[in-house]
Amino acid sequence: MATNTFLEERLAAVEAAIAELQKQIVIPQSTNWLQQITGSFKNEPAFEEILAYGRAIRQGDESLLEAQDER
């Protein structure tokens, strides 16, 4: 019977330790992926060029695209 008591005590200690660890775990809040990457391309010349192409396409100004094709 002493063995069972010893095992029960050890199991109780393990359960208490697990409960304490679970209290310490910080559950991360889900973040918006867009907020995570916002600003990550700041001061990146290639990204600025991509934005210029996008504006040109939306505005129907294909001269920027044609100039790029001639390079």
PDB file of N, CA and C in Angstrom:
ATOM      1  N   MET A   1       0.803  -1.201   0.000  1.00  0.00           N
ATOM      2  CA  MET A   1       0.000   0.000   0.000  1.00  0.00           C
ATOM      3  C   MET A   1       0.848   1.267   0.000  1.00  0.00           C
ATOM      4  N   ALA A   2       2.030   1.182   0.545  1.00  0.00           N
ATOM      5  CA  ALA A   2       2.899   2.345   0.609  1.00  0.00           C
ATOM      6  C   ALA A   2       3.244   2.809  -0.803  1.00  0.00           C
ATOM      7  N   THR A   3       3.357   1.863  -1.729  1.00  0.00           N
ATOM      8  CA  THR A   3       3.695   2.213  -3.104  1.00  0.00           C
ATOM      9  C   THR A   3       2.569   3.014  -3.738  1.00  0.00           C
ATOM     10  N   ASN A   4       1.320   2.596  -3.512  1.00  0.00           N
ATOM     11  CA  ASN A   4       0.185   3.323  -4.066  1.00  0.00           C
ATOM     12  C   ASN A   4       0.111   4.744  -3.515  1.00  0.00           C
ATOM     13  N   THR A   5       0.373   4.893  -2.236  1.00  0.00           N
ATOM     14  CA  THR A   5       0.351   6.215  -1.617  1.00  0.00           C
ATOM     15  C   THR A   5       1.440   7.092  -2.213  1.00  0.00           C
ATOM     16  N   PHE A   6       2.605   6.505  -2.392  1.00  0.00           N
ATOM     17  CA  PHE A   6       3.721   7.234  -2.988  1.00  0.00           C
ATOM     18  C   PHE A   6       3.386   7.672  -4.411  1.00  0.00           C
ATOM     19  N   LEU A   7       2.803   6.790  -5.214  1.00  0.00           N
ATOM     20  CA  LEU A   7       2.426   7.123  -6.590  1.00  0.00           C
ATOM     21  C   LEU A   7       1.341   8.195  -6.620  1.00  0.00           C
ATOM     22  N   GLU A   8       0.393   8.090  -5.709  1.00  0.00           N
ATOM     23  CA  GLU A   8      -0.668   9.092  -5.653  1.00  0.00           C
ATOM     24  C   GLU A   8      -0.114  10.469  -5.293  1.00  0.00           C
ATOM     25  N   GLU A   9       0.849  10.503  -4.385  1.00  0.00           N
ATOM     26  CA  GLU A   9       1.471  11.767  -4.007  1.00  0.00           C
ATOM     27  C   GLU A   9       2.243  12.365  -5.187  1.00  0.00           C
ATOM     28  N   ARG A  10       2.977  11.518  -5.880  1.00  0.00           N
ATOM     29  CA  ARG A  10       3.728  11.992  -7.048  1.00  0.00           C
ATOM     30  C   ARG A  10       2.788  12.483  -8.137  1.00  0.00           C
ATOM     31  N   LEU A  11       1.697  11.738  -8.360  1.00  0.00           N
ATOM     32  CA  LEU A  11       0.725  12.152  -9.368  1.00  0.00           C
ATOM     33  C   LEU A  11       0.092  13.485  -8.986  1.00  0.00           C
ATOM     34  N   ALA A  12      -0.230  13.667  -7.733  1.00  0.00           N
ATOM     35  CA  ALA A  12      -0.802  14.933  -7.271  1.00  0.00           C
ATOM     36  C   ALA A  12       0.186  16.074  -7.485  1.00  0.00           C
ATOM     37  N   ALA A  13       1.464  15.818  -7.232  1.00  0.00           N
ATOM     38  CA  ALA A  13       2.497  16.840  -7.436  1.00  0.00           C
ATOM     39  C   ALA A  13       2.618  17.196  -8.914  1.00  0.00           C
ATOM     40  N   VAL A  14       2.562  16.193  -9.774  1.00  0.00           N
ATOM     41  CA  VAL A  14       2.638  16.437 -11.219  1.00  0.00           C
ATOM     42  C   VAL A  14       1.422  17.227 -11.678  1.00  0.00           C
ATOM     43  N   GLU A  15       0.248  16.863 -11.202  1.00  0.00           N
ATOM     44  CA  GLU A  15      -0.976  17.585 -11.574  1.00  0.00           C
ATOM     45  C   GLU A  15      -0.916  19.034 -11.108  1.00  0.00           C
ATOM     46  N   ALA A  16      -0.386  19.270  -9.918  1.00  0.00           N
ATOM     47  CA  ALA A  16      -0.255  20.633  -9.400  1.00  0.00           C
ATOM     48  C   ALA A  16       0.727  21.436 -10.255  1.00  0.00           C
ATOM     49  N   ALA A  17       1.818  20.797 -10.646  1.00  0.00           N
ATOM     50  CA  ALA A  17       2.811  21.469 -11.484  1.00  0.00           C
ATOM     51  C   ALA A  17       2.213  21.821 -12.843  1.00  0.00           C
ATOM     52  N   ILE A  18       1.448  20.920 -13.413  1.00  0.00           N
ATOM     53  CA  ILE A  18       0.806  21.179 -14.703  1.00  0.00           C
ATOM     54  C   ILE A  18      -0.188  22.323 -14.568  1.00  0.00           C
ATOM     55  N   ALA A  19      -0.965  22.324 -13.509  1.00  0.00           N
ATOM     56  CA  ALA A  19      -1.933  23.401 -13.287  1.00  0.00           C
ATOM     57  C   ALA A  19      -1.216  24.749 -13.179  1.00  0.00           C
ATOM     58  N   GLU A  20      -0.079  24.780 -12.493  1.00  0.00           N
ATOM     59  CA  GLU A  20       0.693  26.022 -12.348  1.00  0.00           C
ATOM     60  C   GLU A  20       1.235  26.477 -13.700  1.00  0.00           C
ATOM     61  N   LEU A  21       1.737  25.543 -14.489  1.00  0.00           N
ATOM     62  CA  LEU A  21       2.238  25.890 -15.825  1.00  0.00           C
ATOM     63  C   LEU A  21       1.125  26.422 -16.713  1.00  0.00           C
ATOM     64  N   GLN A  22      -0.045  25.830 -16.618  1.00  0.00           N
ATOM     65  CA  GLN A  22      -1.172  26.293 -17.425  1.00  0.00           C
ATOM     66  C   GLN A  22      -1.571  27.715 -17.048  1.00  0.00           C
ATOM     67  N   LYS A  23      -1.423  28.078 -15.794  1.00  0.00           N
ATOM     68  CA  LYS A  23      -1.719  29.450 -15.366  1.00  0.00           C
ATOM     69  C   LYS A  23      -0.709  30.432 -15.949  1.00  0.00           C
ATOM     70  N   GLN A  24       0.532  29.973 -16.133  1.00  0.00           N
ATOM     71  CA  GLN A  24       1.595  30.847 -16.614  1.00  0.00           C
ATOM     72  C   GLN A  24       1.561  31.061 -18.119  1.00  0.00           C
ATOM     73  N   ILE A  25       0.906  30.167 -18.817  1.00  0.00           N
ATOM     74  CA  ILE A  25       0.858  30.271 -20.278  1.00  0.00           C
ATOM     75  C   ILE A  25      -0.021  31.456 -20.661  1.00  0.00           C
ATOM     76  N   VAL A  26       0.542  32.314 -21.485  1.00  0.00           N
ATOM     77  CA  VAL A  26      -0.212  33.454 -21.974  1.00  0.00           C
ATOM     78  C   VAL A  26      -0.819  33.040 -23.307  1.00  0.00           C
ATOM     79  N   ILE A  27      -2.108  33.120 -23.395  1.00  0.00           N
ATOM     80  CA  ILE A  27      -2.781  32.776 -24.642  1.00  0.00           C
ATOM     81  C   ILE A  27      -2.727  33.996 -25.551  1.00  0.00           C
ATOM     82  N   PRO A  28      -2.018  33.867 -26.671  1.00  0.00           N
ATOM     83  CA  PRO A  28      -1.899  35.028 -27.560  1.00  0.00           C
ATOM     84  C   PRO A  28      -3.239  35.367 -28.210  1.00  0.00           C
ATOM     85  N   GLN A  29      -3.505  36.645 -28.282  1.00  0.00           N
ATOM     86  CA  GLN A  29      -4.711  37.099 -28.963  1.00  0.00           C
ATOM     87  C   GLN A  29      -4.438  37.046 -30.464  1.00  0.00           C
ATOM     88  N   SER A  30      -5.420  36.619 -31.204  1.00  0.00           N
ATOM     89  CA  SER A  30      -5.222  36.577 -32.649  1.00  0.00           C
ATOM     90  C   SER A  30      -5.128  38.012 -33.149  1.00  0.00           C
ATOM     91  N   THR A  31      -4.133  38.253 -33.971  1.00  0.00           N
ATOM     92  CA  THR A  31      -3.933  39.588 -34.494  1.00  0.00           C
ATOM     93  C   THR A  31      -4.261  39.601 -35.975  1.00  0.00           C
ATOM     94  N   ASN A  32      -4.619  40.744 -36.422  1.00  0.00           N
ATOM     95  CA  ASN A  32      -4.938  40.935 -37.821  1.00  0.00           C
ATOM     96  C   ASN A  32      -3.641  40.851 -38.629  1.00  0.00           C
ATOM     97  N   TRP A  33      -3.587  40.003 -39.627  1.00  0.00           N
ATOM     98  CA  TRP A  33      -2.370  39.817 -40.409  1.00  0.00           C
ATOM     99  C   TRP A  33      -1.950  41.116 -41.089  1.00  0.00           C
ATOM    100  N   LEU A  34      -2.919  41.929 -41.454  1.00  0.00           N
ATOM    101  CA  LEU A  34      -2.599  43.177 -42.125  1.00  0.00           C
ATOM    102  C   LEU A  34      -1.872  44.124 -41.170  1.00  0.00           C
ATOM    103  N   GLN A  35      -2.292  44.138 -39.921  1.00  0.00           N
ATOM    104  CA  GLN A  35      -1.618  44.976 -38.925  1.00  0.00           C
ATOM    105  C   GLN A  35      -0.181  44.490 -38.691  1.00  0.00           C
ATOM    106  N   GLN A  36       0.045  43.208 -38.832  1.00  0.00           N
ATOM    107  CA  GLN A  36       1.379  42.665 -38.613  1.00  0.00           C
ATOM    108  C   GLN A  36       2.365  43.095 -39.699  1.00  0.00           C
ATOM    109  N   ILE A  37       1.881  43.248 -40.938  1.00  0.00           N
ATOM    110  CA  ILE A  37       2.806  43.581 -42.024  1.00  0.00           C
ATOM    111  C   ILE A  37       2.787  45.057 -42.385  1.00  0.00           C
ATOM    112  N   THR A  38       1.851  45.826 -41.833  1.00  0.00           N
ATOM    113  CA  THR A  38       1.782  47.240 -42.152  1.00  0.00           C
ATOM    114  C   THR A  38       3.109  47.916 -41.789  1.00  0.00           C
ATOM    115  N   GLY A  39       3.660  48.611 -42.752  1.00  0.00           N
ATOM    116  CA  GLY A  39       4.918  49.316 -42.530  1.00  0.00           C
ATOM    117  C   GLY A  39       6.160  48.488 -42.777  1.00  0.00           C
ATOM    118  N   SER A  40       6.001  47.214 -43.082  1.00  0.00           N
ATOM    119  CA  SER A  40       7.185  46.369 -43.252  1.00  0.00           C
ATOM    120  C   SER A  40       7.949  46.675 -44.544  1.00  0.00           C
ATOM    121  N   PHE A  41       7.305  47.374 -45.484  1.00  0.00           N
ATOM    122  CA  PHE A  41       7.981  47.733 -46.733  1.00  0.00           C
ATOM    123  C   PHE A  41       8.339  49.213 -46.783  1.00  0.00           C
ATOM    124  N   LYS A  42       8.287  49.870 -45.627  1.00  0.00           N
ATOM    125  CA  LYS A  42       8.593  51.295 -45.572  1.00  0.00           C
ATOM    126  C   LYS A  42      10.034  51.528 -46.045  1.00  0.00           C
ATOM    127  N   ASN A  43      10.210  52.555 -46.854  1.00  0.00           N
ATOM    128  CA  ASN A  43      11.520  52.930 -47.399  1.00  0.00           C
ATOM    129  C   ASN A  43      12.130  51.843 -48.280  1.00  0.00           C
ATOM    130  N   GLU A  44      11.290  51.054 -48.913  1.00  0.00           N
ATOM    131  CA  GLU A  44      11.762  50.019 -49.827  1.00  0.00           C
ATOM    132  C   GLU A  44      11.518  50.506 -51.258  1.00  0.00           C
ATOM    133  N   PRO A  45      12.564  50.850 -52.009  1.00  0.00           N
ATOM    134  CA  PRO A  45      12.382  51.409 -53.356  1.00  0.00           C
ATOM    135  C   PRO A  45      11.572  50.508 -54.280  1.00  0.00           C
ATOM    136  N   ALA A  46      11.782  49.222 -54.217  1.00  0.00           N
ATOM    137  CA  ALA A  46      11.048  48.310 -55.102  1.00  0.00           C
ATOM    138  C   ALA A  46       9.556  48.364 -54.814  1.00  0.00           C
ATOM    139  N   PHE A  47       9.190  48.488 -53.549  1.00  0.00           N
ATOM    140  CA  PHE A  47       7.772  48.555 -53.205  1.00  0.00           C
ATOM    141  C   PHE A  47       7.169  49.864 -53.700  1.00  0.00           C
ATOM    142  N   GLU A  48       7.912  50.943 -53.581  1.00  0.00           N
ATOM    143  CA  GLU A  48       7.424  52.229 -54.094  1.00  0.00           C
ATOM    144  C   GLU A  48       7.197  52.143 -55.603  1.00  0.00           C
ATOM    145  N   GLU A  49       8.072  51.438 -56.301  1.00  0.00           N
ATOM    146  CA  GLU A  49       7.925  51.265 -57.746  1.00  0.00           C
ATOM    147  C   GLU A  49       6.666  50.453 -58.060  1.00  0.00           C
ATOM    148  N   ILE A  50       6.419  49.421 -57.279  1.00  0.00           N
ATOM    149  CA  ILE A  50       5.213  48.608 -57.471  1.00  0.00           C
ATOM    150  C   ILE A  50       3.967  49.450 -57.260  1.00  0.00           C
ATOM    151  N   LEU A  51       3.987  50.290 -56.234  1.00  0.00           N
ATOM    152  CA  LEU A  51       2.838  51.168 -55.992  1.00  0.00           C
ATOM    153  C   LEU A  51       2.611  52.113 -57.165  1.00  0.00           C
ATOM    154  N   ALA A  52       3.697  52.630 -57.753  1.00  0.00           N
ATOM    155  CA  ALA A  52       3.582  53.519 -58.906  1.00  0.00           C
ATOM    156  C   ALA A  52       2.957  52.786 -60.095  1.00  0.00           C
ATOM    157  N   TYR A  53       3.361  51.557 -60.314  1.00  0.00           N
ATOM    158  CA  TYR A  53       2.756  50.767 -61.386  1.00  0.00           C
ATOM    159  C   TYR A  53       1.268  50.554 -61.140  1.00  0.00           C
ATOM    160  N   GLY A  54       0.927  50.239 -59.915  1.00  0.00           N
ATOM    161  CA  GLY A  54      -0.487  50.034 -59.584  1.00  0.00           C
ATOM    162  C   GLY A  54      -1.311  51.278 -59.835  1.00  0.00           C
ATOM    163  N   ARG A  55      -0.781  52.441 -59.420  1.00  0.00           N
ATOM    164  CA  ARG A  55      -1.497  53.696 -59.673  1.00  0.00           C
ATOM    165  C   ARG A  55      -1.656  53.934 -61.174  1.00  0.00           C
ATOM    166  N   ALA A  56      -0.593  53.695 -61.929  1.00  0.00           N
ATOM    167  CA  ALA A  56      -0.638  53.907 -63.377  1.00  0.00           C
ATOM    168  C   ALA A  56      -1.687  53.017 -64.026  1.00  0.00           C
ATOM    169  N   ILE A  57      -1.755  51.773 -63.608  1.00  0.00           N
ATOM    170  CA  ILE A  57      -2.735  50.849 -64.173  1.00  0.00           C
ATOM    171  C   ILE A  57      -4.150  51.302 -63.832  1.00  0.00           C
ATOM    172  N   ARG A  58      -4.375  51.678 -62.572  1.00  0.00           N
ATOM    173  CA  ARG A  58      -5.719  52.106 -62.168  1.00  0.00           C
ATOM    174  C   ARG A  58      -6.140  53.381 -62.876  1.00  0.00           C
ATOM    175  N   GLN A  59      -5.201  54.270 -63.151  1.00  0.00           N
ATOM    176  CA  GLN A  59      -5.533  55.539 -63.782  1.00  0.00           C
ATOM    177  C   GLN A  59      -5.505  55.444 -65.312  1.00  0.00           C
ATOM    178  N   GLY A  60      -5.180  54.296 -65.823  1.00  0.00           N
ATOM    179  CA  GLY A  60      -5.152  54.107 -67.268  1.00  0.00           C
ATOM    180  C   GLY A  60      -3.929  54.725 -67.927  1.00  0.00           C
ATOM    181  N   ASP A  61      -2.925  55.077 -67.156  1.00  0.00           N
ATOM    182  CA  ASP A  61      -1.700  55.663 -67.683  1.00  0.00           C
ATOM    183  C   ASP A  61      -0.715  54.540 -67.963  1.00  0.00           C
ATOM    184  N   GLU A  62      -0.719  54.078 -69.195  1.00  0.00           N
ATOM    185  CA  GLU A  62       0.138  52.950 -69.525  1.00  0.00           C
ATOM    186  C   GLU A  62       1.509  53.396 -70.018  1.00  0.00           C
ATOM    187  N   SER A  63       1.754  54.712 -70.053  1.00  0.00           N
ATOM    188  CA  SER A  63       3.060  55.191 -70.507  1.00  0.00           C
ATOM    189  C   SER A  63       4.162  54.730 -69.555  1.00  0.00           C
ATOM    190  N   LEU A  64       3.850  54.660 -68.275  1.00  0.00           N
ATOM    191  CA  LEU A  64       4.826  54.169 -67.298  1.00  0.00           C
ATOM    192  C   LEU A  64       5.173  52.716 -67.580  1.00  0.00           C
ATOM    193  N   LEU A  65       4.169  51.935 -67.914  1.00  0.00           N
ATOM    194  CA  LEU A  65       4.407  50.525 -68.219  1.00  0.00           C
ATOM    195  C   LEU A  65       5.175  50.368 -69.527  1.00  0.00           C
ATOM    196  N   GLU A  66       4.843  51.195 -70.529  1.00  0.00           N
ATOM    197  CA  GLU A  66       5.541  51.115 -71.806  1.00  0.00           C
ATOM    198  C   GLU A  66       7.004  51.521 -71.653  1.00  0.00           C
ATOM    199  N   ALA A  67       7.259  52.526 -70.815  1.00  0.00           N
ATOM    200  CA  ALA A  67       8.639  52.958 -70.576  1.00  0.00           C
ATOM    201  C   ALA A  67       9.442  51.834 -69.927  1.00  0.00           C
ATOM    202  N   GLN A  68       8.811  51.070 -69.068  1.00  0.00           N
ATOM    203  CA  GLN A  68       9.500  49.948 -68.418  1.00  0.00           C
ATOM    204  C   GLN A  68       9.804  48.853 -69.435  1.00  0.00           C
ATOM    205  N   ASP A  69       8.884  48.618 -70.380  1.00  0.00           N
ATOM    206  CA  ASP A  69       9.087  47.584 -71.403  1.00  0.00           C
ATOM    207  C   ASP A  69      10.269  47.926 -72.319  1.00  0.00           C
ATOM    208  N   GLU A  70      10.520  49.219 -72.532  1.00  0.00           N
ATOM    209  CA  GLU A  70      11.586  49.637 -73.429  1.00  0.00           C
ATOM    210  C   GLU A  70      12.962  49.440 -72.822  1.00  0.00           C
ATOM    211  N   ARG A  71      13.069  49.284 -71.535  1.00  0.00           N
ATOM    212  CA  ARG A  71      14.384  49.105 -70.872  1.00  0.00           C
ATOM    213  C   ARG A  71      15.041  47.823 -71.219  1.00  0.00           C
TER     214      ARG A  71
END
